[in-house]
Amino acid sequence: MSLTLETVPVGAGALDPANARKHGTRNLDAIAGSLRQFGQRRPLVCRRAGSETMVIAGNGTLEAARSLGWTEVVITVVPDDWTSEQAKAYALADNRTAELATWDEAVLAQQLGDLDGLG
């Protein structure tokens, strides 16, 4: 399996109107802060249906990039033969799997202490 990256205008990707993950102001501000400091380090995952490119993972990142006035983002496109159900399942898995992880509180505290004063 290969991963092909494309740089596209921020207006090229449509936000998923059925996205189950909601991005409030606090979340979008945090994503924008990360983009400002580190740039985009993960592509948006999109699905093409005809002439439309729909974001299936990375809706919050696209919203934040637009709010920062970015003109381009990097995307990857799922295989053409994915059904809308497969795309939906991927979007849900992408969002949900991170929520199932837990923090090692001691390591987290140490790392946050190491970063004290950064940013």
N, C-alpha and C. Protein backbone atom coordinates (compact mmCIF):
# COMPACT_ATOMS: atom_id res chain seq x y z
N MET A 1 0.84 -1.17 0.00
CA MET A 1 0.00 0.00 0.00
C MET A 1 0.89 1.24 0.00
N SER A 2 0.59 2.16 -0.86
CA SER A 2 1.38 3.38 -0.92
C SER A 2 0.54 4.56 -0.44
N LEU A 3 1.24 5.57 0.03
CA LEU A 3 0.59 6.79 0.49
C LEU A 3 1.09 7.92 -0.39
N THR A 4 0.20 8.49 -1.16
CA THR A 4 0.56 9.58 -2.04
C THR A 4 0.06 10.88 -1.43
N LEU A 5 0.97 11.86 -1.35
CA LEU A 5 0.61 13.15 -0.80
C LEU A 5 0.39 14.16 -1.91
N GLU A 6 -0.59 15.03 -1.73
CA GLU A 6 -0.88 16.09 -2.69
C GLU A 6 -0.99 17.40 -1.92
N THR A 7 -0.48 18.47 -2.48
CA THR A 7 -0.68 19.80 -1.94
C THR A 7 -1.81 20.43 -2.73
N VAL A 8 -2.85 20.85 -2.01
CA VAL A 8 -4.04 21.39 -2.67
C VAL A 8 -4.43 22.72 -2.02
N PRO A 9 -5.17 23.56 -2.74
CA PRO A 9 -5.68 24.80 -2.12
C PRO A 9 -6.62 24.46 -0.97
N VAL A 10 -6.65 25.29 0.07
CA VAL A 10 -7.52 25.00 1.22
C VAL A 10 -8.99 24.95 0.83
N GLY A 11 -9.35 25.58 -0.26
CA GLY A 11 -10.73 25.54 -0.72
C GLY A 11 -11.08 24.29 -1.50
N ALA A 12 -10.10 23.45 -1.79
CA ALA A 12 -10.34 22.27 -2.61
C ALA A 12 -11.05 21.16 -1.85
N GLY A 13 -10.91 21.15 -0.54
CA GLY A 13 -11.51 20.09 0.25
C GLY A 13 -12.76 20.58 0.96
N ALA A 14 -13.84 19.81 0.83
CA ALA A 14 -15.08 20.14 1.52
C ALA A 14 -15.08 19.47 2.89
N LEU A 15 -15.52 20.21 3.91
CA LEU A 15 -15.68 19.62 5.23
C LEU A 15 -16.81 18.60 5.16
N ASP A 16 -16.70 17.54 5.92
CA ASP A 16 -17.72 16.50 5.94
C ASP A 16 -18.92 16.99 6.76
N PRO A 17 -20.06 17.22 6.13
CA PRO A 17 -21.21 17.71 6.88
C PRO A 17 -21.75 16.68 7.87
N ALA A 18 -21.39 15.41 7.68
CA ALA A 18 -21.83 14.35 8.58
C ALA A 18 -20.75 13.96 9.58
N ASN A 19 -19.72 14.80 9.71
CA ASN A 19 -18.63 14.50 10.65
C ASN A 19 -19.20 14.38 12.06
N ALA A 20 -18.97 13.26 12.70
CA ALA A 20 -19.49 13.03 14.05
C ALA A 20 -18.68 13.77 15.10
N ARG A 21 -17.48 14.18 14.76
CA ARG A 21 -16.61 14.90 15.69
C ARG A 21 -16.86 16.39 15.55
N LYS A 22 -17.18 17.04 16.64
CA LYS A 22 -17.45 18.48 16.62
C LYS A 22 -16.25 19.23 17.18
N HIS A 23 -15.91 20.34 16.55
CA HIS A 23 -14.74 21.13 16.92
C HIS A 23 -15.20 22.49 17.43
N GLY A 24 -15.14 22.66 18.74
CA GLY A 24 -15.49 23.94 19.33
C GLY A 24 -14.33 24.92 19.20
N THR A 25 -14.59 26.14 19.64
CA THR A 25 -13.59 27.21 19.53
C THR A 25 -12.30 26.84 20.25
N ARG A 26 -12.41 26.31 21.44
CA ARG A 26 -11.21 25.93 22.21
C ARG A 26 -10.35 24.92 21.44
N ASN A 27 -11.02 23.92 20.87
CA ASN A 27 -10.32 22.89 20.11
C ASN A 27 -9.67 23.47 18.86
N LEU A 28 -10.43 24.28 18.12
CA LEU A 28 -9.88 24.87 16.90
C LEU A 28 -8.72 25.82 17.20
N ASP A 29 -8.81 26.55 18.31
CA ASP A 29 -7.70 27.41 18.72
C ASP A 29 -6.45 26.59 19.03
N ALA A 30 -6.65 25.44 19.67
CA ALA A 30 -5.51 24.57 19.99
C ALA A 30 -4.88 24.00 18.71
N ILE A 31 -5.72 23.57 17.78
CA ILE A 31 -5.20 23.05 16.51
C ILE A 31 -4.46 24.17 15.77
N ALA A 32 -5.04 25.36 15.74
CA ALA A 32 -4.39 26.49 15.06
C ALA A 32 -3.05 26.81 15.71
N GLY A 33 -2.99 26.76 17.03
CA GLY A 33 -1.73 27.01 17.72
C GLY A 33 -0.67 25.99 17.35
N SER A 34 -1.08 24.75 17.25
CA SER A 34 -0.15 23.69 16.85
C SER A 34 0.33 23.90 15.42
N LEU A 35 -0.60 24.24 14.52
CA LEU A 35 -0.22 24.50 13.13
C LEU A 35 0.74 25.68 13.04
N ARG A 36 0.47 26.72 13.81
CA ARG A 36 1.34 27.90 13.80
C ARG A 36 2.75 27.54 14.25
N GLN A 37 2.84 26.75 15.30
CA GLN A 37 4.15 26.43 15.87
C GLN A 37 4.90 25.35 15.08
N PHE A 38 4.18 24.34 14.62
CA PHE A 38 4.85 23.18 14.04
C PHE A 38 4.59 22.98 12.55
N GLY A 39 3.61 23.69 12.00
CA GLY A 39 3.22 23.44 10.62
C GLY A 39 2.36 22.20 10.53
N GLN A 40 1.97 21.84 9.33
CA GLN A 40 1.16 20.64 9.13
C GLN A 40 2.08 19.43 9.06
N ARG A 41 1.92 18.49 9.94
CA ARG A 41 2.79 17.32 9.99
C ARG A 41 2.08 16.03 9.64
N ARG A 42 0.76 16.11 9.44
CA ARG A 42 -0.03 14.95 9.00
C ARG A 42 -0.96 15.40 7.89
N PRO A 43 -1.11 14.59 6.87
CA PRO A 43 -2.02 14.99 5.79
C PRO A 43 -3.48 14.84 6.23
N LEU A 44 -4.34 15.63 5.62
CA LEU A 44 -5.77 15.39 5.75
C LEU A 44 -6.07 14.15 4.93
N VAL A 45 -7.02 13.36 5.36
CA VAL A 45 -7.41 12.18 4.60
C VAL A 45 -8.72 12.50 3.90
N CYS A 46 -8.72 12.34 2.59
CA CYS A 46 -9.87 12.73 1.78
C CYS A 46 -10.37 11.57 0.93
N ARG A 47 -11.60 11.75 0.48
CA ARG A 47 -12.22 10.80 -0.46
C ARG A 47 -12.72 11.61 -1.64
N ARG A 48 -12.45 11.13 -2.82
CA ARG A 48 -12.94 11.81 -4.03
C ARG A 48 -14.16 11.07 -4.55
N ALA A 49 -15.18 11.84 -4.82
CA ALA A 49 -16.40 11.30 -5.43
C ALA A 49 -16.74 12.24 -6.57
N GLY A 50 -16.45 11.79 -7.77
CA GLY A 50 -16.62 12.66 -8.93
C GLY A 50 -15.63 13.79 -8.85
N SER A 51 -16.12 15.01 -8.93
CA SER A 51 -15.22 16.17 -8.89
C SER A 51 -15.05 16.71 -7.47
N GLU A 52 -15.75 16.12 -6.50
CA GLU A 52 -15.70 16.63 -5.13
C GLU A 52 -14.65 15.89 -4.30
N THR A 53 -13.91 16.65 -3.51
CA THR A 53 -12.95 16.10 -2.56
C THR A 53 -13.49 16.37 -1.16
N MET A 54 -13.81 15.31 -0.41
CA MET A 54 -14.40 15.43 0.92
C MET A 54 -13.37 15.00 1.96
N VAL A 55 -13.18 15.83 2.97
CA VAL A 55 -12.28 15.49 4.06
C VAL A 55 -12.98 14.46 4.95
N ILE A 56 -12.35 13.32 5.18
CA ILE A 56 -12.94 12.32 6.07
C ILE A 56 -12.16 12.23 7.38
N ALA A 57 -10.95 12.73 7.40
CA ALA A 57 -10.18 12.80 8.65
C ALA A 57 -9.31 14.05 8.56
N GLY A 58 -9.52 14.96 9.50
CA GLY A 58 -8.76 16.20 9.49
C GLY A 58 -9.62 17.43 9.30
N ASN A 59 -10.93 17.30 9.54
CA ASN A 59 -11.84 18.44 9.39
C ASN A 59 -11.42 19.61 10.27
N GLY A 60 -11.06 19.34 11.52
CA GLY A 60 -10.63 20.41 12.42
C GLY A 60 -9.35 21.08 11.94
N THR A 61 -8.44 20.28 11.41
CA THR A 61 -7.19 20.84 10.89
C THR A 61 -7.46 21.76 9.70
N LEU A 62 -8.38 21.34 8.82
CA LEU A 62 -8.71 22.19 7.68
C LEU A 62 -9.36 23.50 8.14
N GLU A 63 -10.28 23.41 9.11
CA GLU A 63 -10.90 24.63 9.63
C GLU A 63 -9.86 25.56 10.23
N ALA A 64 -8.93 25.00 11.01
CA ALA A 64 -7.90 25.82 11.64
C ALA A 64 -6.96 26.43 10.61
N ALA A 65 -6.59 25.66 9.59
CA ALA A 65 -5.71 26.19 8.53
C ALA A 65 -6.39 27.35 7.82
N ARG A 66 -7.67 27.23 7.56
CA ARG A 66 -8.41 28.32 6.92
C ARG A 66 -8.43 29.56 7.82
N SER A 67 -8.61 29.34 9.13
CA SER A 67 -8.66 30.48 10.05
C SER A 67 -7.32 31.21 10.13
N LEU A 68 -6.24 30.49 9.85
CA LEU A 68 -4.91 31.09 9.86
C LEU A 68 -4.58 31.78 8.52
N GLY A 69 -5.46 31.66 7.56
CA GLY A 69 -5.21 32.26 6.26
C GLY A 69 -4.31 31.44 5.36
N TRP A 70 -4.14 30.15 5.70
CA TRP A 70 -3.33 29.30 4.83
C TRP A 70 -3.98 29.19 3.46
N THR A 71 -3.15 29.02 2.46
CA THR A 71 -3.67 28.88 1.10
C THR A 71 -3.61 27.43 0.61
N GLU A 72 -2.80 26.60 1.26
CA GLU A 72 -2.62 25.20 0.84
C GLU A 72 -2.54 24.28 2.04
N VAL A 73 -2.94 23.04 1.83
CA VAL A 73 -2.77 21.97 2.81
C VAL A 73 -2.34 20.71 2.07
N VAL A 74 -1.83 19.77 2.81
CA VAL A 74 -1.41 18.49 2.23
C VAL A 74 -2.49 17.45 2.54
N ILE A 75 -2.85 16.69 1.53
CA ILE A 75 -3.86 15.64 1.68
C ILE A 75 -3.32 14.32 1.16
N THR A 76 -3.99 13.27 1.55
CA THR A 76 -3.84 11.97 0.92
C THR A 76 -5.26 11.50 0.62
N VAL A 77 -5.42 10.74 -0.42
CA VAL A 77 -6.74 10.31 -0.87
C VAL A 77 -6.85 8.81 -0.69
N VAL A 78 -7.98 8.38 -0.10
CA VAL A 78 -8.20 6.94 0.08
C VAL A 78 -8.41 6.30 -1.29
N PRO A 79 -8.27 4.99 -1.36
CA PRO A 79 -8.44 4.32 -2.65
C PRO A 79 -9.81 4.61 -3.29
N ASP A 80 -9.82 4.70 -4.60
CA ASP A 80 -11.04 5.00 -5.35
C ASP A 80 -12.16 3.98 -5.11
N ASP A 81 -11.78 2.75 -4.77
CA ASP A 81 -12.81 1.73 -4.63
C ASP A 81 -13.43 1.67 -3.23
N TRP A 82 -13.03 2.60 -2.34
CA TRP A 82 -13.67 2.63 -1.02
C TRP A 82 -15.11 3.08 -1.16
N THR A 83 -15.99 2.40 -0.47
CA THR A 83 -17.40 2.81 -0.44
C THR A 83 -17.57 3.94 0.57
N SER A 84 -18.72 4.58 0.52
CA SER A 84 -18.99 5.64 1.51
C SER A 84 -19.02 5.05 2.92
N GLU A 85 -19.44 3.78 3.05
CA GLU A 85 -19.44 3.13 4.36
C GLU A 85 -18.02 2.91 4.86
N GLN A 86 -17.11 2.53 3.98
CA GLN A 86 -15.71 2.36 4.39
C GLN A 86 -15.11 3.70 4.82
N ALA A 87 -15.40 4.75 4.08
CA ALA A 87 -14.89 6.08 4.43
C ALA A 87 -15.44 6.51 5.78
N LYS A 88 -16.72 6.28 6.02
CA LYS A 88 -17.34 6.63 7.29
C LYS A 88 -16.71 5.83 8.43
N ALA A 89 -16.50 4.54 8.21
CA ALA A 89 -15.88 3.70 9.24
C ALA A 89 -14.46 4.17 9.55
N TYR A 90 -13.71 4.54 8.53
CA TYR A 90 -12.36 5.04 8.75
C TYR A 90 -12.40 6.34 9.56
N ALA A 91 -13.29 7.25 9.20
CA ALA A 91 -13.40 8.53 9.91
C ALA A 91 -13.71 8.30 11.38
N LEU A 92 -14.63 7.41 11.67
CA LEU A 92 -14.97 7.12 13.07
C LEU A 92 -13.81 6.46 13.80
N ALA A 93 -13.15 5.52 13.15
CA ALA A 93 -12.00 4.86 13.78
C ALA A 93 -10.87 5.84 14.03
N ASP A 94 -10.62 6.72 13.07
CA ASP A 94 -9.55 7.70 13.22
C ASP A 94 -9.78 8.58 14.45
N ASN A 95 -11.01 9.00 14.66
CA ASN A 95 -11.33 9.84 15.81
C ASN A 95 -11.40 9.04 17.11
N ARG A 96 -11.98 7.89 17.08
CA ARG A 96 -12.25 7.14 18.31
C ARG A 96 -11.02 6.45 18.87
N THR A 97 -10.13 5.94 18.04
CA THR A 97 -9.01 5.16 18.57
C THR A 97 -8.11 5.98 19.49
N ALA A 98 -7.92 7.26 19.20
CA ALA A 98 -7.09 8.10 20.08
C ALA A 98 -7.72 8.28 21.45
N GLU A 99 -9.05 8.30 21.49
CA GLU A 99 -9.75 8.46 22.76
C GLU A 99 -9.60 7.24 23.67
N LEU A 100 -9.30 6.10 23.09
CA LEU A 100 -9.21 4.86 23.87
C LEU A 100 -7.87 4.70 24.57
N ALA A 101 -6.89 5.52 24.20
CA ALA A 101 -5.57 5.46 24.84
C ALA A 101 -5.64 6.13 26.21
N THR A 102 -4.68 5.81 27.06
CA THR A 102 -4.58 6.46 28.37
C THR A 102 -3.22 7.12 28.50
N TRP A 103 -3.11 8.02 29.44
CA TRP A 103 -1.86 8.72 29.69
C TRP A 103 -1.09 8.02 30.81
N ASP A 104 0.22 7.97 30.67
CA ASP A 104 1.09 7.61 31.78
C ASP A 104 1.32 8.92 32.53
N GLU A 105 0.62 9.11 33.63
CA GLU A 105 0.61 10.40 34.33
C GLU A 105 2.01 10.84 34.76
N ALA A 106 2.85 9.91 35.19
CA ALA A 106 4.20 10.27 35.64
C ALA A 106 5.04 10.78 34.46
N VAL A 107 4.98 10.07 33.35
CA VAL A 107 5.73 10.47 32.16
C VAL A 107 5.19 11.80 31.63
N LEU A 108 3.87 11.96 31.61
CA LEU A 108 3.27 13.20 31.15
C LEU A 108 3.73 14.37 32.01
N ALA A 109 3.70 14.21 33.32
CA ALA A 109 4.13 15.28 34.22
C ALA A 109 5.60 15.64 33.98
N GLN A 110 6.44 14.64 33.79
CA GLN A 110 7.85 14.88 33.53
C GLN A 110 8.05 15.64 32.22
N GLN A 111 7.37 15.19 31.18
CA GLN A 111 7.53 15.85 29.88
C GLN A 111 6.99 17.28 29.90
N LEU A 112 5.87 17.50 30.57
CA LEU A 112 5.35 18.86 30.68
C LEU A 112 6.30 19.74 31.47
N GLY A 113 6.90 19.17 32.49
CA GLY A 113 7.91 19.91 33.26
C GLY A 113 9.12 20.26 32.41
N ASP A 114 9.51 19.34 31.55
CA ASP A 114 10.64 19.59 30.65
C ASP A 114 10.36 20.74 29.69
N LEU A 115 9.09 20.94 29.37
CA LEU A 115 8.69 21.96 28.40
C LEU A 115 8.29 23.27 29.06
N ASP A 116 8.36 23.33 30.35
CA ASP A 116 7.95 24.55 31.07
C ASP A 116 8.63 25.76 30.47
N GLY A 117 7.85 26.75 30.10
CA GLY A 117 8.39 27.97 29.51
C GLY A 117 8.46 27.96 27.99
N LEU A 118 8.19 26.81 27.37
CA LEU A 118 8.21 26.76 25.90
C LEU A 118 6.89 27.30 25.37
N GLY A 119 6.98 28.16 24.36
CA GLY A 119 5.79 28.65 23.67
C GLY A 119 5.13 29.72 24.41
